Amino acid sequence: MGPFRVALSGDFRKADGSPTFPDFDLAPLREAKNVEMIFLDNASPIGGGQLEDFDALILLAHRFDAASVPESGRLAVVARFGVGYDTVDVPACTANDIALVITPDGVRRPVAVSIITFILALTGKLMVKDRLARSGPPGFAARGAHMGVGLVGKVLGSLGVGNIGAEMFRLARPFDMNFIAHDPFADKRVAAELGIELVPLEELFARSDILCVNCPLTPETHHIVNAGRLALMKPTAYLINTARGPIVDQKALTKVLQENRIAGAGLDVFEQEPTDPGDPLLKLDNIIAAPHALCWTDQCFAGNGAADIKAVLDVMKGQQPRGVVNRDVLERQGFKAKLEGFAKRFG
């Protein structure tokens, strides 16, 4: 029998062959016994023909759809670099006994820190004050017209109290804010420990001084932040989205920002990525924008990479990996048979 073969999507390498993200340490994979690691062609969606002879795939930004599933049936795990998996056909994975794994431990703190960054930058009017400082005496003279907003006693709201949402509230504790959230699947014990009041969806929008989107993109959450709910927000409130762009109706958000019906927004994600430079949203001075990369730090990418490599090597040993999205696959006989086979060969 041959080695355990691991494919990496082609976007992990630049055109010259150098690593796209050097902080992703591949040494544990290269040095693992009985493991062969190969980079795929830089194509998206990934073609199933590329994966015929592989046991595992570590996936960056390329799409994995039904046509990406190899006919051999050999592939056992797709380890997504990050927590978003809207680029992966989950039902196709399950139907073909492939576990889809994400890296919640790798992104929990970095994304929560990026939310706090937006909170402080927006309420402190950081971008405005940066421009004032650069304009010399006129800017200094105008600074009194751009007073920031203190956080003590303000209401921090979250649409979702999962891995990242809970971490955001932990980091925000020293600000002495009041915490509210909406999440039908919230762990009530965690909410109680963090002092989070769970509220109905419309109440979340109406009461929040800062409302953060911390839920996954699903058919149910697509445009859950819409014109009607944005209309419930205070004119002094801020919206922050570091989750997925299509959770927010971007046209509706642009309109309320243009009309100053909310104070501003911090956006790391957009309905169209990359963004269109001519998008009217980007012409506004009451937003702070980042290119779906605010949480990108050396620690974030090292953590994501380590989590993906551990998941792949766990599967190789015949063990269930952490962070499986499609939990149903763990009970399928085909997937169990793959794990049993790996355990006999490499365990």
C-alpha atoms as a PDB file:
ATOM      1  CA  MET A   1       0.000   0.000   0.000  1.00  0.00           C
ATOM      2  CA  GLY A   2       1.181   3.514  -0.773  1.00  0.00           C
ATOM      3  CA  PRO A   3       1.505   6.552   1.490  1.00  0.00           C
ATOM      4  CA  PHE A   4      -1.312   8.711   2.827  1.00  0.00           C
ATOM      5  CA  ARG A   5      -1.620  11.361   0.116  1.00  0.00           C
ATOM      6  CA  VAL A   6      -2.537  14.934   1.001  1.00  0.00           C
ATOM      7  CA  ALA A   7      -3.427  17.555  -1.625  1.00  0.00           C
ATOM      8  CA  LEU A   8      -3.240  21.293  -1.026  1.00  0.00           C
ATOM      9  CA  SER A   9      -5.284  23.627  -3.214  1.00  0.00           C
ATOM     10  CA  GLY A  10      -3.132  25.510  -5.690  1.00  0.00           C
ATOM     11  CA  ASP A  11      -3.802  28.901  -4.124  1.00  0.00           C
ATOM     12  CA  PHE A  12      -1.452  28.013  -1.258  1.00  0.00           C
ATOM     13  CA  ARG A  13       1.399  28.752  -3.715  1.00  0.00           C
ATOM     14  CA  LYS A  14       2.276  31.826  -5.741  1.00  0.00           C
ATOM     15  CA  ALA A  15       3.060  31.628  -9.445  1.00  0.00           C
ATOM     16  CA  ASP A  16       6.784  31.394  -8.661  1.00  0.00           C
ATOM     17  CA  GLY A  17       6.211  28.417  -6.350  1.00  0.00           C
ATOM     18  CA  SER A  18       6.776  30.319  -3.111  1.00  0.00           C
ATOM     19  CA  PRO A  19       4.193  29.961  -0.314  1.00  0.00           C
ATOM     20  CA  THR A  20       1.259  32.351  -0.380  1.00  0.00           C
ATOM     21  CA  PHE A  21       1.241  32.441   3.414  1.00  0.00           C
ATOM     22  CA  PRO A  22       4.632  31.581   4.945  1.00  0.00           C
ATOM     23  CA  ASP A  23       3.099  31.482   8.440  1.00  0.00           C
ATOM     24  CA  PHE A  24       1.322  28.259   7.466  1.00  0.00           C
ATOM     25  CA  ASP A  25       4.003  25.834   8.653  1.00  0.00           C
ATOM     26  CA  LEU A  26       3.923  22.732   6.469  1.00  0.00           C
ATOM     27  CA  ALA A  27       6.868  21.081   8.228  1.00  0.00           C
ATOM     28  CA  PRO A  28       4.690  18.757  10.388  1.00  0.00           C
ATOM     29  CA  LEU A  29       3.079  17.441   7.198  1.00  0.00           C
ATOM     30  CA  ARG A  30       6.316  17.149   5.250  1.00  0.00           C
ATOM     31  CA  GLU A  31       8.031  15.368   8.124  1.00  0.00           C
ATOM     32  CA  ALA A  32       5.184  12.980   8.969  1.00  0.00           C
ATOM     33  CA  LYS A  33       5.941   9.348   8.274  1.00  0.00           C
ATOM     34  CA  ASN A  34       4.089   7.727   5.340  1.00  0.00           C
ATOM     35  CA  VAL A  35       2.675  11.047   4.128  1.00  0.00           C
ATOM     36  CA  GLU A  36       3.027  12.466   0.633  1.00  0.00           C
ATOM     37  CA  MET A  37       2.050  16.112   0.100  1.00  0.00           C
ATOM     38  CA  ILE A  38       1.247  17.581  -3.325  1.00  0.00           C
ATOM     39  CA  PHE A  39       0.062  21.018  -4.472  1.00  0.00           C
ATOM     40  CA  LEU A  40      -2.790  20.968  -6.996  1.00  0.00           C
ATOM     41  CA  ASP A  41      -3.096  23.128 -10.091  1.00  0.00           C
ATOM     42  CA  ASN A  42      -4.334  26.642  -9.374  1.00  0.00           C
ATOM     43  CA  ALA A  43      -7.893  26.071 -10.611  1.00  0.00           C
ATOM     44  CA  SER A  44     -11.282  26.769  -9.060  1.00  0.00           C
ATOM     45  CA  PRO A  45     -13.537  24.871  -8.757  1.00  0.00           C
ATOM     46  CA  ILE A  46     -11.150  21.995  -8.184  1.00  0.00           C
ATOM     47  CA  GLY A  47     -11.628  19.236 -10.734  1.00  0.00           C
ATOM     48  CA  GLY A  48     -12.367  15.770  -9.421  1.00  0.00           C
ATOM     49  CA  GLY A  49      -9.717  14.348 -11.724  1.00  0.00           C
ATOM     50  CA  GLN A  50      -7.051  16.147  -9.714  1.00  0.00           C
ATOM     51  CA  LEU A  51      -8.089  14.325  -6.529  1.00  0.00           C
ATOM     52  CA  GLU A  52      -8.471  10.745  -7.748  1.00  0.00           C
ATOM     53  CA  ASP A  53      -5.433   9.452  -5.857  1.00  0.00           C
ATOM     54  CA  PHE A  54      -5.663  11.553  -2.696  1.00  0.00           C
ATOM     55  CA  ASP A  55      -6.887  10.753   0.798  1.00  0.00           C
ATOM     56  CA  ALA A  56      -7.147  14.323   2.079  1.00  0.00           C
ATOM     57  CA  LEU A  57      -7.449  17.880   0.776  1.00  0.00           C
ATOM     58  CA  ILE A  58      -6.438  21.064   2.588  1.00  0.00           C
ATOM     59  CA  LEU A  59      -8.490  23.800   0.974  1.00  0.00           C
ATOM     60  CA  LEU A  60      -7.859  27.548   0.963  1.00  0.00           C
ATOM     61  CA  ALA A  61     -10.193  29.733  -1.142  1.00  0.00           C
ATOM     62  CA  HIS A  62     -10.874  27.532  -4.154  1.00  0.00           C
ATOM     63  CA  ARG A  63     -14.330  26.039  -4.573  1.00  0.00           C
ATOM     64  CA  PHE A  64     -15.061  22.370  -3.933  1.00  0.00           C
ATOM     65  CA  ASP A  65     -18.340  21.380  -5.587  1.00  0.00           C
ATOM     66  CA  ALA A  66     -20.023  18.152  -6.645  1.00  0.00           C
ATOM     67  CA  ALA A  67     -17.772  17.924  -9.704  1.00  0.00           C
ATOM     68  CA  SER A  68     -14.723  18.113  -7.435  1.00  0.00           C
ATOM     69  CA  VAL A  69     -15.524  14.740  -5.843  1.00  0.00           C
ATOM     70  CA  PRO A  70     -13.189  12.100  -7.293  1.00  0.00           C
ATOM     71  CA  GLU A  71     -14.773   8.991  -8.789  1.00  0.00           C
ATOM     72  CA  SER A  72     -12.320   6.743  -6.950  1.00  0.00           C
ATOM     73  CA  GLY A  73     -14.117   7.325  -3.636  1.00  0.00           C
ATOM     74  CA  ARG A  74     -10.744   7.531  -1.933  1.00  0.00           C
ATOM     75  CA  LEU A  75     -10.953  11.089  -0.577  1.00  0.00           C
ATOM     76  CA  ALA A  76     -11.889  11.057   3.119  1.00  0.00           C
ATOM     77  CA  VAL A  77     -11.510  14.621   4.379  1.00  0.00           C
ATOM     78  CA  VAL A  78     -11.605  18.206   3.126  1.00  0.00           C
ATOM     79  CA  ALA A  79      -9.921  20.459   5.690  1.00  0.00           C
ATOM     80  CA  ARG A  80     -10.987  24.050   5.068  1.00  0.00           C
ATOM     81  CA  PHE A  81      -8.492  26.763   6.016  1.00  0.00           C
ATOM     82  CA  GLY A  82     -10.786  28.898   8.200  1.00  0.00           C
ATOM     83  CA  VAL A  83     -14.358  28.606   9.423  1.00  0.00           C
ATOM     84  CA  GLY A  84     -16.377  29.675   6.378  1.00  0.00           C
ATOM     85  CA  TYR A  85     -17.479  26.817   4.171  1.00  0.00           C
ATOM     86  CA  ASP A  86     -19.832  28.470   1.676  1.00  0.00           C
ATOM     87  CA  THR A  87     -17.299  27.514  -1.032  1.00  0.00           C
ATOM     88  CA  VAL A  88     -17.835  23.811  -0.310  1.00  0.00           C
ATOM     89  CA  ASP A  89     -20.740  21.622  -1.422  1.00  0.00           C
ATOM     90  CA  VAL A  90     -21.512  20.057   1.950  1.00  0.00           C
ATOM     91  CA  PRO A  91     -24.205  17.603   0.764  1.00  0.00           C
ATOM     92  CA  ALA A  92     -21.845  16.318  -1.923  1.00  0.00           C
ATOM     93  CA  CYS A  93     -19.194  15.700   0.727  1.00  0.00           C
ATOM     94  CA  THR A  94     -21.597  13.805   2.964  1.00  0.00           C
ATOM     95  CA  ALA A  95     -23.035  11.731   0.112  1.00  0.00           C
ATOM     96  CA  ASN A  96     -19.508  10.639  -0.803  1.00  0.00           C
ATOM     97  CA  ASP A  97     -18.333   9.872   2.755  1.00  0.00           C
ATOM     98  CA  ILE A  98     -16.049  12.898   2.959  1.00  0.00           C
ATOM     99  CA  ALA A  99     -15.757  14.799   6.239  1.00  0.00           C
ATOM    100  CA  LEU A 100     -15.651  18.582   5.918  1.00  0.00           C
ATOM    101  CA  VAL A 101     -13.503  20.082   8.666  1.00  0.00           C
ATOM    102  CA  ILE A 102     -13.083  23.747   9.632  1.00  0.00           C
ATOM    103  CA  THR A 103     -10.691  25.463  12.055  1.00  0.00           C
ATOM    104  CA  PRO A 104     -12.696  27.231  14.792  1.00  0.00           C
ATOM    105  CA  ASP A 105      -9.778  27.256  17.230  1.00  0.00           C
ATOM    106  CA  GLY A 106      -7.552  28.985  14.679  1.00  0.00           C
ATOM    107  CA  VAL A 107      -9.880  31.918  14.011  1.00  0.00           C
ATOM    108  CA  ARG A 108     -11.759  32.397  17.285  1.00  0.00           C
ATOM    109  CA  ARG A 109      -9.406  34.924  18.894  1.00  0.00           C
ATOM    110  CA  PRO A 110      -8.150  36.651  15.691  1.00  0.00           C
ATOM    111  CA  VAL A 111     -11.669  37.365  14.377  1.00  0.00           C
ATOM    112  CA  ALA A 112     -12.885  38.473  17.811  1.00  0.00           C
ATOM    113  CA  VAL A 113      -9.917  40.857  18.002  1.00  0.00           C
ATOM    114  CA  SER A 114     -10.801  42.230  14.564  1.00  0.00           C
ATOM    115  CA  ILE A 115     -14.337  42.970  15.806  1.00  0.00           C
ATOM    116  CA  ILE A 116     -12.921  44.831  18.813  1.00  0.00           C
ATOM    117  CA  THR A 117     -10.682  46.741  16.394  1.00  0.00           C
ATOM    118  CA  PHE A 118     -13.748  47.900  14.458  1.00  0.00           C
ATOM    119  CA  ILE A 119     -15.594  48.809  17.669  1.00  0.00           C
ATOM    120  CA  LEU A 120     -12.765  51.007  18.923  1.00  0.00           C
ATOM    121  CA  ALA A 121     -12.020  52.542  15.539  1.00  0.00           C
ATOM    122  CA  LEU A 122     -15.655  53.418  14.824  1.00  0.00           C
ATOM    123  CA  THR A 123     -16.584  54.789  18.232  1.00  0.00           C
ATOM    124  CA  GLY A 124     -13.272  56.621  18.560  1.00  0.00           C
ATOM    125  CA  LYS A 125     -13.684  58.163  15.064  1.00  0.00           C
ATOM    126  CA  LEU A 126     -10.200  56.917  14.308  1.00  0.00           C
ATOM    127  CA  MET A 127     -10.316  57.291  10.528  1.00  0.00           C
ATOM    128  CA  VAL A 128     -11.744  60.819  10.736  1.00  0.00           C
ATOM    129  CA  LYS A 129      -9.154  61.892  13.291  1.00  0.00           C
ATOM    130  CA  ASP A 130      -6.375  60.407  11.183  1.00  0.00           C
ATOM    131  CA  ARG A 131      -7.471  62.646   8.318  1.00  0.00           C
ATOM    132  CA  LEU A 132      -7.703  65.682  10.622  1.00  0.00           C
ATOM    133  CA  ALA A 133      -4.192  65.126  11.938  1.00  0.00           C
ATOM    134  CA  ARG A 134      -2.810  64.957   8.403  1.00  0.00           C
ATOM    135  CA  SER A 135      -4.451  68.250   7.391  1.00  0.00           C
ATOM    136  CA  GLY A 136      -2.503  70.436   9.832  1.00  0.00           C
ATOM    137  CA  PRO A 137      -3.965  73.459  11.680  1.00  0.00           C
ATOM    138  CA  PRO A 138      -7.421  73.295  10.008  1.00  0.00           C
ATOM    139  CA  GLY A 139      -7.756  69.686  11.082  1.00  0.00           C
ATOM    140  CA  PHE A 140      -6.774  70.393  14.651  1.00  0.00           C
ATOM    141  CA  ALA A 141      -9.212  73.280  14.741  1.00  0.00           C
ATOM    142  CA  ALA A 142     -12.036  71.003  13.579  1.00  0.00           C
ATOM    143  CA  ARG A 143     -11.420  68.165  16.045  1.00  0.00           C
ATOM    144  CA  GLY A 144     -14.124  69.295  18.482  1.00  0.00           C
ATOM    145  CA  ALA A 145     -16.768  68.542  15.846  1.00  0.00           C
ATOM    146  CA  HIS A 146     -15.786  64.878  15.763  1.00  0.00           C
ATOM    147  CA  MET A 147     -16.298  63.684  19.310  1.00  0.00           C
ATOM    148  CA  GLY A 148     -16.041  59.956  19.910  1.00  0.00           C
ATOM    149  CA  VAL A 149     -18.499  57.731  21.774  1.00  0.00           C
ATOM    150  CA  GLY A 150     -17.729  56.136  25.130  1.00  0.00           C
ATOM    151  CA  LEU A 151     -18.567  52.469  25.628  1.00  0.00           C
ATOM    152  CA  VAL A 152     -19.515  52.269  29.318  1.00  0.00           C
ATOM    153  CA  GLY A 153     -23.159  51.303  29.615  1.00  0.00           C
ATOM    154  CA  LYS A 154     -23.646  50.948  25.860  1.00  0.00           C
ATOM    155  CA  VAL A 155     -25.334  47.852  24.424  1.00  0.00           C
ATOM    156  CA  LEU A 156     -23.150  45.439  22.483  1.00  0.00           C
ATOM    157  CA  GLY A 157     -25.314  43.114  20.414  1.00  0.00           C
ATOM    158  CA  SER A 158     -24.416  39.997  18.485  1.00  0.00           C
ATOM    159  CA  LEU A 159     -26.271  38.118  15.791  1.00  0.00           C
ATOM    160  CA  GLY A 160     -24.956  34.717  16.847  1.00  0.00           C
ATOM    161  CA  VAL A 161     -23.237  33.471  19.995  1.00  0.00           C
ATOM    162  CA  GLY A 162     -21.046  30.727  18.656  1.00  0.00           C
ATOM    163  CA  ASN A 163     -17.307  30.320  18.831  1.00  0.00           C
ATOM    164  CA  ILE A 164     -16.409  33.836  17.665  1.00  0.00           C
ATOM    165  CA  GLY A 165     -19.385  35.657  19.166  1.00  0.00           C
ATOM    166  CA  ALA A 166     -18.676  34.284  22.632  1.00  0.00           C
ATOM    167  CA  GLU A 167     -14.995  35.234  22.338  1.00  0.00           C
ATOM    168  CA  MET A 168     -15.963  38.759  21.294  1.00  0.00           C
ATOM    169  CA  PHE A 169     -18.016  39.156  24.479  1.00  0.00           C
ATOM    170  CA  ARG A 170     -15.139  37.796  26.590  1.00  0.00           C
ATOM    171  CA  LEU A 171     -12.761  40.386  25.142  1.00  0.00           C
ATOM    172  CA  ALA A 172     -15.327  43.185  25.583  1.00  0.00           C
ATOM    173  CA  ARG A 173     -15.873  42.574  29.305  1.00  0.00           C
ATOM    174  CA  PRO A 174     -13.499  45.352  30.480  1.00  0.00           C
ATOM    175  CA  PHE A 175     -15.502  47.956  28.530  1.00  0.00           C
ATOM    176  CA  ASP A 176     -18.429  47.669  31.008  1.00  0.00           C
ATOM    177  CA  MET A 177     -21.025  47.341  28.264  1.00  0.00           C
ATOM    178  CA  ASN A 178     -24.362  45.537  28.389  1.00  0.00           C
ATOM    179  CA  PHE A 179     -24.486  42.362  26.307  1.00  0.00           C
ATOM    180  CA  ILE A 180     -27.424  41.104  24.247  1.00  0.00           C
ATOM    181  CA  ALA A 181     -27.628  38.525  21.465  1.00  0.00           C
ATOM    182  CA  HIS A 182     -29.968  36.563  19.252  1.00  0.00           C
ATOM    183  CA  ASP A 183     -29.162  32.964  18.442  1.00  0.00           C
ATOM    184  CA  PRO A 184     -31.739  30.140  18.252  1.00  0.00           C
ATOM    185  CA  PHE A 185     -28.938  27.652  18.900  1.00  0.00           C
ATOM    186  CA  ALA A 186     -27.185  29.524  21.714  1.00  0.00           C
ATOM    187  CA  ASP A 187     -25.702  27.574  24.590  1.00  0.00           C
ATOM    188  CA  LYS A 188     -27.685  29.119  27.444  1.00  0.00           C
ATOM    189  CA  ARG A 189     -25.010  28.130  29.947  1.00  0.00           C
ATOM    190  CA  VAL A 190     -22.341  30.037  28.011  1.00  0.00           C
ATOM    191  CA  ALA A 191     -24.679  33.020  27.629  1.00  0.00           C
ATOM    192  CA  ALA A 192     -25.325  33.079  31.374  1.00  0.00           C
ATOM    193  CA  GLU A 193     -21.604  32.815  32.180  1.00  0.00           C
ATOM    194  CA  LEU A 194     -20.832  35.789  29.930  1.00  0.00           C
ATOM    195  CA  GLY A 195     -23.771  37.882  31.107  1.00  0.00           C
ATOM    196  CA  ILE A 196     -25.482  37.852  27.718  1.00  0.00           C
ATOM    197  CA  GLU A 197     -29.219  38.514  27.572  1.00  0.00           C
ATOM    198  CA  LEU A 198     -30.762  36.438  24.771  1.00  0.00           C
ATOM    199  CA  VAL A 199     -33.410  38.460  22.953  1.00  0.00           C
ATOM    200  CA  PRO A 200     -35.718  38.192  19.907  1.00  0.00           C
ATOM    201  CA  LEU A 201     -34.243  39.178  16.554  1.00  0.00           C
ATOM    202  CA  GLU A 202     -36.037  42.505  16.149  1.00  0.00           C
ATOM    203  CA  GLU A 203     -35.197  43.512  19.715  1.00  0.00           C
ATOM    204  CA  LEU A 204     -31.523  42.886  18.975  1.00  0.00           C
ATOM    205  CA  PHE A 205     -31.614  45.450  16.161  1.00  0.00           C
ATOM    206  CA  ALA A 206     -33.638  47.983  18.144  1.00  0.00           C
ATOM    207  CA  ARG A 207     -31.531  47.943  21.328  1.00  0.00           C
ATOM    208  CA  SER A 208     -27.960  47.518  20.113  1.00  0.00           C
ATOM    209  CA  ASP A 209     -25.599  50.479  20.097  1.00  0.00           C
ATOM    210  CA  ILE A 210     -23.093  48.273  18.293  1.00  0.00           C
ATOM    211  CA  LEU A 211     -24.462  45.274  16.415  1.00  0.00           C
ATOM    212  CA  CYS A 212     -22.009  42.609  15.266  1.00  0.00           C
ATOM    213  CA  VAL A 213     -22.756  39.855  12.767  1.00  0.00           C
ATOM    214  CA  ASN A 214     -21.337  36.585  14.096  1.00  0.00           C
ATOM    215  CA  CYS A 215     -23.385  33.886  12.373  1.00  0.00           C
ATOM    216  CA  PRO A 216     -22.610  31.595   9.439  1.00  0.00           C
ATOM    217  CA  LEU A 217     -24.030  32.178   5.973  1.00  0.00           C
ATOM    218  CA  THR A 218     -26.899  29.747   5.399  1.00  0.00           C
ATOM    219  CA  PRO A 219     -30.124  29.934   3.384  1.00  0.00           C
ATOM    220  CA  GLU A 220     -31.799  31.087   6.609  1.00  0.00           C
ATOM    221  CA  THR A 221     -29.298  33.881   7.313  1.00  0.00           C
ATOM    222  CA  HIS A 222     -28.961  35.193   3.745  1.00  0.00           C
ATOM    223  CA  HIS A 223     -29.995  38.886   3.942  1.00  0.00           C
ATOM    224  CA  ILE A 224     -31.206  38.423   7.517  1.00  0.00           C
ATOM    225  CA  VAL A 225     -29.850  41.953   7.962  1.00  0.00           C
ATOM    226  CA  ASN A 226     -32.317  43.625   5.612  1.00  0.00           C
ATOM    227  CA  ALA A 227     -33.955  47.013   5.100  1.00  0.00           C
ATOM    228  CA  GLY A 228     -36.727  46.336   7.586  1.00  0.00           C
ATOM    229  CA  ARG A 229     -34.372  45.345  10.389  1.00  0.00           C
ATOM    230  CA  LEU A 230     -31.859  48.090   9.648  1.00  0.00           C
ATOM    231  CA  ALA A 231     -34.755  50.539  10.027  1.00  0.00           C
ATOM    232  CA  LEU A 232     -35.110  49.374  13.635  1.00  0.00           C
ATOM    233  CA  MET A 233     -31.594  50.485  14.554  1.00  0.00           C
ATOM    234  CA  LYS A 234     -30.789  53.663  16.461  1.00  0.00           C
ATOM    235  CA  PRO A 235     -29.405  56.574  14.416  1.00  0.00           C
ATOM    236  CA  THR A 236     -26.376  56.465  16.738  1.00  0.00           C
ATOM    237  CA  ALA A 237     -25.763  52.720  16.240  1.00  0.00           C
ATOM    238  CA  TYR A 238     -23.000  50.969  14.356  1.00  0.00           C
ATOM    239  CA  LEU A 239     -23.125  47.716  12.352  1.00  0.00           C
ATOM    240  CA  ILE A 240     -20.076  45.452  12.149  1.00  0.00           C
ATOM    241  CA  ASN A 241     -19.825  42.463   9.801  1.00  0.00           C
ATOM    242  CA  THR A 242     -16.801  40.167   9.866  1.00  0.00           C
ATOM    243  CA  ALA A 243     -18.773  37.006   9.011  1.00  0.00           C
ATOM    244  CA  ARG A 244     -19.988  36.760   5.400  1.00  0.00           C
ATOM    245  CA  GLY A 245     -21.116  39.536   3.063  1.00  0.00           C
ATOM    246  CA  PRO A 246     -24.448  38.091   1.858  1.00  0.00           C
ATOM    247  CA  ILE A 247     -25.774  37.938   5.431  1.00  0.00           C
ATOM    248  CA  VAL A 248     -26.314  41.687   4.970  1.00  0.00           C
ATOM    249  CA  ASP A 249     -28.403  43.195   2.185  1.00  0.00           C
ATOM    250  CA  GLN A 250     -25.643  45.514   1.000  1.00  0.00           C
ATOM    251  CA  LYS A 251     -27.899  47.773  -1.061  1.00  0.00           C
ATOM    252  CA  ALA A 252     -30.148  48.318   1.949  1.00  0.00           C
ATOM    253  CA  LEU A 253     -27.144  49.011   4.168  1.00  0.00           C
ATOM    254  CA  THR A 254     -25.724  51.477   1.662  1.00  0.00           C
ATOM    255  CA  LYS A 255     -29.031  53.370   1.647  1.00  0.00           C
ATOM    256  CA  VAL A 256     -29.275  53.729   5.429  1.00  0.00           C
ATOM    257  CA  LEU A 257     -25.639  54.826   5.602  1.00  0.00           C
ATOM    258  CA  GLN A 258     -26.120  57.362   2.807  1.00  0.00           C
ATOM    259  CA  GLU A 259     -29.120  58.772   4.669  1.00  0.00           C
ATOM    260  CA  ASN A 260     -27.270  58.731   8.018  1.00  0.00           C
ATOM    261  CA  ARG A 261     -29.978  56.559   9.553  1.00  0.00           C
ATOM    262  CA  ILE A 262     -27.244  54.708  11.439  1.00  0.00           C
ATOM    263  CA  ALA A 263     -23.931  56.171  12.549  1.00  0.00           C
ATOM    264  CA  GLY A 264     -21.635  53.925  10.573  1.00  0.00           C
ATOM    265  CA  ALA A 265     -20.381  50.451   9.768  1.00  0.00           C
ATOM    266  CA  GLY A 266     -17.245  48.322   9.957  1.00  0.00           C
ATOM    267  CA  LEU A 267     -17.134  45.835   7.085  1.00  0.00           C
ATOM    268  CA  ASP A 268     -14.580  43.130   6.457  1.00  0.00           C
ATOM    269  CA  VAL A 269     -16.877  41.206   4.084  1.00  0.00           C
ATOM    270  CA  PHE A 270     -19.042  42.152   1.109  1.00  0.00           C
ATOM    271  CA  GLU A 271     -21.665  40.637  -1.153  1.00  0.00           C
ATOM    272  CA  GLN A 272     -19.206  40.820  -4.034  1.00  0.00           C
ATOM    273  CA  GLU A 273     -15.566  39.982  -3.381  1.00  0.00           C
ATOM    274  CA  PRO A 274     -13.320  41.457  -4.595  1.00  0.00           C
ATOM    275  CA  THR A 275     -15.343  44.654  -4.317  1.00  0.00           C
ATOM    276  CA  ASP A 276     -16.147  46.877  -7.280  1.00  0.00           C
ATOM    277  CA  PRO A 277     -14.118  50.101  -6.796  1.00  0.00           C
ATOM    278  CA  GLY A 278     -17.130  52.025  -8.059  1.00  0.00           C
ATOM    279  CA  ASP A 279     -19.490  50.594  -5.436  1.00  0.00           C
ATOM    280  CA  PRO A 280     -21.284  53.546  -3.810  1.00  0.00           C
ATOM    281  CA  LEU A 281     -20.773  51.934  -0.401  1.00  0.00           C
ATOM    282  CA  LEU A 282     -17.041  52.518  -0.712  1.00  0.00           C
ATOM    283  CA  LYS A 283     -17.563  56.232  -1.382  1.00  0.00           C
ATOM    284  CA  LEU A 284     -19.022  56.784   2.087  1.00  0.00           C
ATOM    285  CA  ASP A 285     -16.956  58.304   4.897  1.00  0.00           C
ATOM    286  CA  ASN A 286     -19.006  56.670   7.682  1.00  0.00           C
ATOM    287  CA  ILE A 287     -17.663  53.176   7.041  1.00  0.00           C
ATOM    288  CA  ILE A 288     -14.375  51.445   7.675  1.00  0.00           C
ATOM    289  CA  ALA A 289     -13.661  48.710   5.146  1.00  0.00           C
ATOM    290  CA  ALA A 290     -11.185  45.844   5.042  1.00  0.00           C
ATOM    291  CA  PRO A 291     -10.664  43.299   2.213  1.00  0.00           C
ATOM    292  CA  HIS A 292     -11.879  40.185   4.093  1.00  0.00           C
ATOM    293  CA  ALA A 293      -8.537  40.148   5.845  1.00  0.00           C
ATOM    294  CA  LEU A 294      -8.747  42.139   9.077  1.00  0.00           C
ATOM    295  CA  CYS A 295      -8.113  39.010  11.151  1.00  0.00           C
ATOM    296  CA  TRP A 296      -5.208  37.931   8.949  1.00  0.00           C
ATOM    297  CA  THR A 297      -2.234  37.806  11.279  1.00  0.00           C
ATOM    298  CA  ASP A 298       0.739  35.513  11.650  1.00  0.00           C
ATOM    299  CA  GLN A 299      -0.966  33.845  14.609  1.00  0.00           C
ATOM    300  CA  CYS A 300      -4.257  33.372  12.769  1.00  0.00           C
ATOM    301  CA  PHE A 301      -2.653  31.641   9.813  1.00  0.00           C
ATOM    302  CA  ALA A 302      -0.332  29.568  11.944  1.00  0.00           C
ATOM    303  CA  GLY A 303      -3.322  28.432  14.011  1.00  0.00           C
ATOM    304  CA  ASN A 304      -5.482  27.594  11.004  1.00  0.00           C
ATOM    305  CA  GLY A 305      -2.685  25.654   9.378  1.00  0.00           C
ATOM    306  CA  ALA A 306      -1.861  23.691  12.518  1.00  0.00           C
ATOM    307  CA  ALA A 307      -5.534  22.801  12.997  1.00  0.00           C
ATOM    308  CA  ASP A 308      -5.895  21.596   9.409  1.00  0.00           C
ATOM    309  CA  ILE A 309      -2.748  19.495   9.582  1.00  0.00           C
ATOM    310  CA  LYS A 310      -3.857  17.933  12.868  1.00  0.00           C
ATOM    311  CA  ALA A 311      -7.263  17.085  11.383  1.00  0.00           C
ATOM    312  CA  VAL A 312      -5.668  15.435   8.356  1.00  0.00           C
ATOM    313  CA  LEU A 313      -3.212  13.432  10.462  1.00  0.00           C
ATOM    314  CA  ASP A 314      -5.999  12.383  12.844  1.00  0.00           C
ATOM    315  CA  VAL A 315      -7.923  10.953   9.889  1.00  0.00           C
ATOM    316  CA  MET A 316      -4.766   9.188   8.753  1.00  0.00           C
ATOM    317  CA  LYS A 317      -4.601   7.487  12.169  1.00  0.00           C
ATOM    318  CA  GLY A 318      -8.221   6.403  11.842  1.00  0.00           C
ATOM    319  CA  GLN A 319      -9.480   8.973  14.346  1.00  0.00           C
ATOM    320  CA  GLN A 320     -12.407  11.375  14.030  1.00  0.00           C
ATOM    321  CA  PRO A 321     -11.025  14.899  13.503  1.00  0.00           C
ATOM    322  CA  ARG A 322     -12.188  18.007  15.373  1.00  0.00           C
ATOM    323  CA  GLY A 323     -14.302  20.649  13.695  1.00  0.00           C
ATOM    324  CA  VAL A 324     -16.416  18.391  11.457  1.00  0.00           C
ATOM    325  CA  VAL A 325     -19.223  20.413   9.846  1.00  0.00           C
ATOM    326  CA  ASN A 326     -21.251  17.555   8.357  1.00  0.00           C
ATOM    327  CA  ARG A 327     -21.598  15.497  11.532  1.00  0.00           C
ATOM    328  CA  ASP A 328     -23.891  13.009   9.776  1.00  0.00           C
ATOM    329  CA  VAL A 329     -20.913  11.689   7.838  1.00  0.00           C
ATOM    330  CA  LEU A 330     -19.421  10.279  11.053  1.00  0.00           C
ATOM    331  CA  GLU A 331     -22.225   7.676  11.176  1.00  0.00           C
ATOM    332  CA  ARG A 332     -22.007   6.639   7.546  1.00  0.00           C
ATOM    333  CA  GLN A 333     -20.582   3.193   6.955  1.00  0.00           C
ATOM    334  CA  GLY A 334     -18.484   4.393   4.038  1.00  0.00           C
ATOM    335  CA  PHE A 335     -16.696   6.994   6.132  1.00  0.00           C
ATOM    336  CA  LYS A 336     -16.248   4.544   9.019  1.00  0.00           C
ATOM    337  CA  ALA A 337     -14.711   2.073   6.595  1.00  0.00           C
ATOM    338  CA  LYS A 338     -12.236   4.709   5.427  1.00  0.00           C
ATOM    339  CA  LEU A 339     -11.171   5.423   9.012  1.00  0.00           C
ATOM    340  CA  GLU A 340     -10.850   1.717   9.778  1.00  0.00           C
ATOM    341  CA  GLY A 341      -8.679   1.250   6.707  1.00  0.00           C
ATOM    342  CA  PHE A 342      -6.419   4.139   7.669  1.00  0.00           C
ATOM    343  CA  ALA A 343      -6.129   2.841  11.232  1.00  0.00           C
ATOM    344  CA  LYS A 344      -4.926  -0.533   9.967  1.00  0.00           C
ATOM    345  CA  ARG A 345      -2.408   1.031   7.608  1.00  0.00           C
ATOM    346  CA  PHE A 346      -1.106   3.976   9.607  1.00  0.00           C
ATOM    347  CA  GLY A 347      -2.563   3.888  13.128  1.00  0.00           C
END
